[in-house]
Amino acid sequence: MSKKQQITVGQPAVKDAMKERELVMKVTKEIVVKFVEMGRVTPASFNEVFSMVHDTVRDAMGKS
């Protein structure tokens, strides 16, 4: 198998992984935006909350 064939074979998996990461970020953003709108997240707690939500969404996506 040539290098070009090897790369082509692996590309769908890379694209799927990129799509999943993009989806995790979009879902995380929407959840955190709702928390901000509800007054549950302050600028001081944003980093911590975003990280926790991101980890939870990523874990949930991996289990589905």
Protein backbone atom coordinates (compact mmCIF):
# COMPACT_ATOMS: atom_id res chain seq x y z
CA MET A 1 0.00 0.00 0.00
CA SER A 2 1.43 3.37 -0.96
CA LYS A 3 1.63 6.33 1.42
CA LYS A 4 -1.10 8.10 -0.53
CA GLN A 5 -3.44 5.14 -0.07
CA GLN A 6 -2.62 4.97 3.65
CA ILE A 7 -3.44 8.64 4.13
CA THR A 8 -6.67 8.36 2.14
CA VAL A 9 -7.78 5.38 4.23
CA GLY A 10 -7.23 7.32 7.48
CA GLN A 11 -8.93 10.55 6.42
CA PRO A 12 -12.55 9.59 7.19
CA ALA A 13 -11.59 8.80 10.78
CA VAL A 14 -9.83 12.15 11.09
CA LYS A 15 -12.83 13.97 9.62
CA ASP A 16 -15.18 12.15 11.99
CA ALA A 17 -12.99 13.08 14.96
CA MET A 18 -12.93 16.72 13.85
CA LYS A 19 -16.71 16.75 13.43
CA GLU A 20 -17.15 15.26 16.90
CA ARG A 21 -14.82 17.83 18.49
CA GLU A 22 -16.69 20.61 16.68
CA LEU A 23 -20.02 19.25 17.91
CA VAL A 24 -18.73 19.01 21.48
CA MET A 25 -17.60 22.65 21.33
CA LYS A 26 -20.92 23.84 19.88
CA VAL A 27 -22.97 21.98 22.49
CA THR A 28 -20.71 23.21 25.28
CA LYS A 29 -21.02 26.79 24.04
CA GLU A 30 -24.81 26.61 23.91
CA ILE A 31 -25.05 25.20 27.43
CA VAL A 32 -22.66 27.78 28.88
CA VAL A 33 -24.47 30.61 27.05
CA LYS A 34 -27.73 29.48 28.68
CA PHE A 35 -26.02 29.46 32.09
CA VAL A 36 -24.74 33.00 31.43
CA GLU A 37 -28.21 34.17 30.38
CA MET A 38 -29.67 32.70 33.57
CA GLY A 39 -27.01 34.42 35.69
CA ARG A 40 -25.50 31.10 36.82
CA VAL A 41 -22.05 31.88 35.36
CA THR A 42 -19.99 34.95 36.18
CA PRO A 43 -16.82 36.12 34.44
CA ALA A 44 -14.87 34.84 37.44
CA SER A 45 -16.33 31.33 37.17
CA PHE A 46 -16.48 31.10 33.36
CA ASN A 47 -13.26 29.10 32.84
CA GLU A 48 -14.10 26.55 35.50
CA VAL A 49 -17.71 26.11 34.35
CA PHE A 50 -16.76 25.89 30.67
CA SER A 51 -14.16 23.22 31.43
CA MET A 52 -16.60 21.18 33.52
CA VAL A 53 -19.37 21.38 30.91
CA HIS A 54 -16.92 20.56 28.10
CA ASP A 55 -15.62 17.49 29.95
CA THR A 56 -19.16 16.30 30.65
CA VAL A 57 -20.32 16.77 27.04
CA ARG A 58 -17.17 15.09 25.68
CA ASP A 59 -17.63 12.13 28.04
CA ALA A 60 -21.30 11.81 27.10
CA MET A 61 -20.47 11.88 23.39
CA GLY A 62 -17.90 9.13 23.87
CA LYS A 63 -20.44 6.89 25.59
CA SER A 64 -23.14 7.20 22.96
